[in-house]
């Protein structure tokens, strides 16, 4: 084998190793499970302020979890005929 062929083989091997490492890292950083949430409002009234102060803060209540197929089915557009 000449030098160019050896260099080509080393380059192919290094690209394959980098691709394998990338695939293994990509599997670790997968998105977490999708959750069904219900948003509510929480009202806080300030009693020590001179004027009554009302702050509305969002609160998230987790109601359940869906699998991937149910989420995909819910997100697909439905054509009304």
N, C-alpha and C. Protein backbone atom coordinates (compact mmCIF):
# COMPACT_ATOMS: atom_id res chain seq x y z
N UNK A 1 0.84 -1.18 0.00
CA UNK A 1 0.00 0.00 0.00
C UNK A 1 0.89 1.24 0.00
N UNK A 2 0.45 2.22 -0.72
CA UNK A 2 1.21 3.46 -0.72
C UNK A 2 0.72 4.38 0.40
N UNK A 3 1.38 5.50 0.56
CA UNK A 3 1.09 6.41 1.67
C UNK A 3 -0.30 7.03 1.54
N UNK A 4 -0.72 7.35 0.34
CA UNK A 4 -2.04 7.96 0.15
C UNK A 4 -3.15 7.00 0.57
N UNK A 5 -3.02 5.73 0.25
CA UNK A 5 -4.04 4.75 0.63
C UNK A 5 -4.08 4.57 2.14
N UNK A 6 -2.92 4.54 2.78
CA UNK A 6 -2.88 4.40 4.25
C UNK A 6 -3.51 5.63 4.92
N UNK A 7 -3.22 6.80 4.39
CA UNK A 7 -3.80 8.03 4.95
C UNK A 7 -5.31 8.03 4.78
N UNK A 8 -5.79 7.56 3.64
CA UNK A 8 -7.22 7.49 3.38
C UNK A 8 -7.90 6.54 4.36
N UNK A 9 -7.29 5.39 4.62
CA UNK A 9 -7.87 4.41 5.54
C UNK A 9 -7.92 4.98 6.96
N UNK A 10 -6.86 5.68 7.37
CA UNK A 10 -6.85 6.28 8.71
C UNK A 10 -7.93 7.36 8.81
N UNK A 11 -8.11 8.14 7.75
CA UNK A 11 -9.13 9.18 7.76
C UNK A 11 -10.53 8.58 7.85
N UNK A 12 -10.78 7.52 7.11
CA UNK A 12 -12.10 6.86 7.16
C UNK A 12 -12.35 6.29 8.55
N UNK A 13 -11.34 5.68 9.15
CA UNK A 13 -11.50 5.10 10.48
C UNK A 13 -11.77 6.18 11.52
N UNK A 14 -11.10 7.32 11.42
CA UNK A 14 -11.32 8.39 12.39
C UNK A 14 -12.71 9.02 12.23
N UNK A 15 -13.19 9.15 11.01
CA UNK A 15 -14.54 9.68 10.78
C UNK A 15 -15.58 8.71 11.32
N UNK A 16 -15.37 7.41 11.13
CA UNK A 16 -16.32 6.42 11.66
C UNK A 16 -16.34 6.45 13.18
N UNK A 17 -15.18 6.60 13.81
CA UNK A 17 -15.13 6.66 15.27
C UNK A 17 -15.83 7.92 15.79
N UNK A 18 -15.62 9.04 15.11
CA UNK A 18 -16.28 10.28 15.53
C UNK A 18 -17.80 10.18 15.35
N UNK A 19 -18.24 9.53 14.28
CA UNK A 19 -19.68 9.36 14.06
C UNK A 19 -20.30 8.47 15.13
N UNK A 20 -19.59 7.42 15.52
CA UNK A 20 -20.10 6.53 16.58
C UNK A 20 -20.20 7.28 17.90
N UNK A 21 -19.21 8.11 18.20
CA UNK A 21 -19.26 8.90 19.44
C UNK A 21 -20.41 9.90 19.39
N UNK A 22 -20.65 10.51 18.25
CA UNK A 22 -21.75 11.46 18.12
C UNK A 22 -23.10 10.81 18.29
N UNK A 23 -23.27 9.62 17.75
CA UNK A 23 -24.54 8.91 17.89
C UNK A 23 -24.78 8.53 19.35
N UNK A 24 -23.75 8.09 20.05
CA UNK A 24 -23.94 7.72 21.45
C UNK A 24 -24.25 8.94 22.30
N UNK A 25 -23.65 10.09 22.00
CA UNK A 25 -23.97 11.30 22.75
C UNK A 25 -25.36 11.82 22.42
N UNK A 26 -25.79 11.66 21.20
CA UNK A 26 -27.12 12.13 20.80
C UNK A 26 -28.21 11.33 21.52
N UNK A 27 -27.99 10.07 21.77
CA UNK A 27 -28.99 9.25 22.46
C UNK A 27 -29.12 9.65 23.92
N UNK A 28 -28.06 10.16 24.53
CA UNK A 28 -28.12 10.55 25.93
C UNK A 28 -28.88 11.85 26.13
N UNK A 29 -28.87 12.72 25.15
CA UNK A 29 -29.51 14.02 25.30
C UNK A 29 -30.89 14.05 24.67
N UNK A 30 -31.61 12.94 24.72
CA UNK A 30 -32.95 12.89 24.15
C UNK A 30 -33.90 13.75 24.99
N UNK A 31 -34.96 14.21 24.37
CA UNK A 31 -35.92 15.08 25.05
C UNK A 31 -36.67 14.29 26.13
N UNK A 32 -37.02 14.92 27.24
CA UNK A 32 -37.78 14.22 28.28
C UNK A 32 -39.21 13.94 27.82
N UNK A 33 -39.89 13.13 28.58
CA UNK A 33 -41.26 12.75 28.23
C UNK A 33 -42.16 13.98 28.23
N UNK A 34 -43.09 14.02 27.30
CA UNK A 34 -44.04 15.13 27.21
C UNK A 34 -45.08 15.00 28.30
N UNK A 35 -45.40 16.11 28.94
CA UNK A 35 -46.37 16.10 30.03
C UNK A 35 -47.57 16.96 29.66
N UNK A 36 -48.73 16.55 30.15
CA UNK A 36 -49.95 17.33 29.98
C UNK A 36 -50.03 18.29 31.17
N UNK A 37 -50.15 19.56 30.90
CA UNK A 37 -50.18 20.53 31.99
C UNK A 37 -51.45 21.37 31.90
N UNK A 38 -51.88 21.84 33.05
CA UNK A 38 -53.01 22.76 33.14
C UNK A 38 -52.49 24.02 33.82
N UNK A 39 -52.67 25.16 33.19
CA UNK A 39 -52.20 26.42 33.75
C UNK A 39 -53.31 27.07 34.57
N UNK A 40 -52.95 27.53 35.75
CA UNK A 40 -53.88 28.23 36.61
C UNK A 40 -53.25 29.55 37.02
N UNK A 41 -54.04 30.42 37.61
CA UNK A 41 -53.53 31.68 38.13
C UNK A 41 -53.56 31.66 39.65
N UNK A 42 -52.50 32.14 40.25
CA UNK A 42 -52.42 32.29 41.69
C UNK A 42 -52.43 33.78 41.99
N UNK A 43 -53.32 34.21 42.86
CA UNK A 43 -53.43 35.63 43.20
C UNK A 43 -52.85 35.84 44.59
N UNK A 44 -51.91 36.78 44.69
CA UNK A 44 -51.30 37.12 45.98
C UNK A 44 -51.66 38.58 46.26
N UNK A 45 -52.24 38.82 47.42
CA UNK A 45 -52.63 40.18 47.80
C UNK A 45 -51.65 40.66 48.86
N UNK A 46 -51.04 41.83 48.61
CA UNK A 46 -50.11 42.39 49.59
C UNK A 46 -50.86 43.12 50.68
N UNK A 47 -50.62 42.77 51.95
CA UNK A 47 -51.33 43.39 53.06
C UNK A 47 -50.51 44.51 53.71
N UNK A 48 -49.22 44.53 53.50
CA UNK A 48 -48.40 45.53 54.17
C UNK A 48 -48.16 46.76 53.30
N UNK A 49 -48.54 46.71 52.07
CA UNK A 49 -48.35 47.86 51.19
C UNK A 49 -49.39 48.93 51.51
N UNK A 50 -49.08 50.17 51.16
CA UNK A 50 -50.02 51.26 51.43
C UNK A 50 -51.29 51.10 50.61
N UNK A 51 -51.14 50.82 49.36
CA UNK A 51 -52.30 50.54 48.51
C UNK A 51 -52.36 49.03 48.32
N UNK A 52 -53.57 48.49 48.18
CA UNK A 52 -53.64 47.04 47.96
C UNK A 52 -52.95 46.66 46.65
N UNK A 53 -52.01 45.74 46.75
CA UNK A 53 -51.24 45.30 45.59
C UNK A 53 -51.61 43.85 45.32
N UNK A 54 -51.95 43.57 44.09
CA UNK A 54 -52.32 42.21 43.70
C UNK A 54 -51.33 41.75 42.64
N UNK A 55 -50.71 40.61 42.89
CA UNK A 55 -49.80 40.02 41.91
C UNK A 55 -50.39 38.71 41.45
N UNK A 56 -50.42 38.50 40.14
CA UNK A 56 -50.91 37.24 39.60
C UNK A 56 -49.73 36.47 39.05
N UNK A 57 -49.52 35.30 39.59
CA UNK A 57 -48.42 34.45 39.18
C UNK A 57 -48.96 33.18 38.54
N UNK A 58 -48.34 32.70 37.47
CA UNK A 58 -48.81 31.45 36.87
C UNK A 58 -48.40 30.25 37.72
N UNK A 59 -49.23 29.25 37.74
CA UNK A 59 -48.93 28.00 38.43
C UNK A 59 -49.19 26.86 37.46
N UNK A 60 -48.31 25.89 37.44
CA UNK A 60 -48.43 24.76 36.52
C UNK A 60 -48.80 23.52 37.32
N UNK A 61 -49.84 22.84 36.89
CA UNK A 61 -50.27 21.60 37.52
C UNK A 61 -50.11 20.49 36.50
N UNK A 62 -49.31 19.48 36.82
CA UNK A 62 -49.11 18.35 35.90
C UNK A 62 -50.26 17.38 36.11
N UNK A 63 -51.02 17.13 35.03
CA UNK A 63 -52.18 16.27 35.13
C UNK A 63 -51.92 14.85 34.66
N UNK A 64 -50.93 14.62 33.85
CA UNK A 64 -50.65 13.28 33.37
C UNK A 64 -49.55 13.29 32.35
N UNK A 65 -49.25 12.13 31.82
CA UNK A 65 -48.22 12.00 30.81
C UNK A 65 -48.81 11.26 29.61
N UNK A 66 -48.29 11.59 28.43
CA UNK A 66 -48.71 10.90 27.21
C UNK A 66 -47.50 10.25 26.59
N UNK A 67 -47.76 9.19 25.85
CA UNK A 67 -46.66 8.57 25.12
C UNK A 67 -46.44 9.35 23.82
N UNK A 68 -45.38 9.02 23.13
CA UNK A 68 -44.96 9.77 21.94
C UNK A 68 -46.00 9.71 20.84
N UNK A 69 -46.65 8.56 20.65
CA UNK A 69 -47.62 8.44 19.56
C UNK A 69 -48.87 9.28 19.82
N UNK A 70 -49.30 9.37 21.07
CA UNK A 70 -50.47 10.18 21.39
C UNK A 70 -50.18 11.66 21.18
N UNK A 71 -48.97 12.10 21.53
CA UNK A 71 -48.60 13.50 21.33
C UNK A 71 -48.52 13.80 19.84
N UNK A 72 -47.94 12.89 19.07
CA UNK A 72 -47.83 13.11 17.62
C UNK A 72 -49.22 13.14 16.98
N UNK A 73 -50.12 12.29 17.45
CA UNK A 73 -51.48 12.28 16.90
C UNK A 73 -52.22 13.56 17.26
N UNK A 74 -51.97 14.09 18.44
CA UNK A 74 -52.64 15.32 18.85
C UNK A 74 -52.11 16.54 18.11
N UNK A 75 -50.86 16.48 17.66
CA UNK A 75 -50.26 17.63 16.99
C UNK A 75 -50.47 17.63 15.49
N UNK A 76 -50.94 16.53 14.92
CA UNK A 76 -51.16 16.50 13.48
C UNK A 76 -52.39 17.32 13.14
N UNK A 77 -52.31 18.14 12.10
CA UNK A 77 -53.47 18.96 11.74
C UNK A 77 -54.60 18.10 11.17
N UNK A 78 -55.81 18.47 11.49
CA UNK A 78 -56.99 17.76 11.00
C UNK A 78 -57.72 18.70 10.04
N UNK A 79 -57.94 18.24 8.83
CA UNK A 79 -58.63 19.04 7.83
C UNK A 79 -60.13 18.87 8.00
N UNK A 80 -60.83 19.97 8.14
CA UNK A 80 -62.28 19.94 8.26
C UNK A 80 -62.86 20.13 6.87
N UNK A 81 -63.65 19.15 6.44
CA UNK A 81 -64.19 19.18 5.08
C UNK A 81 -65.61 19.64 5.10
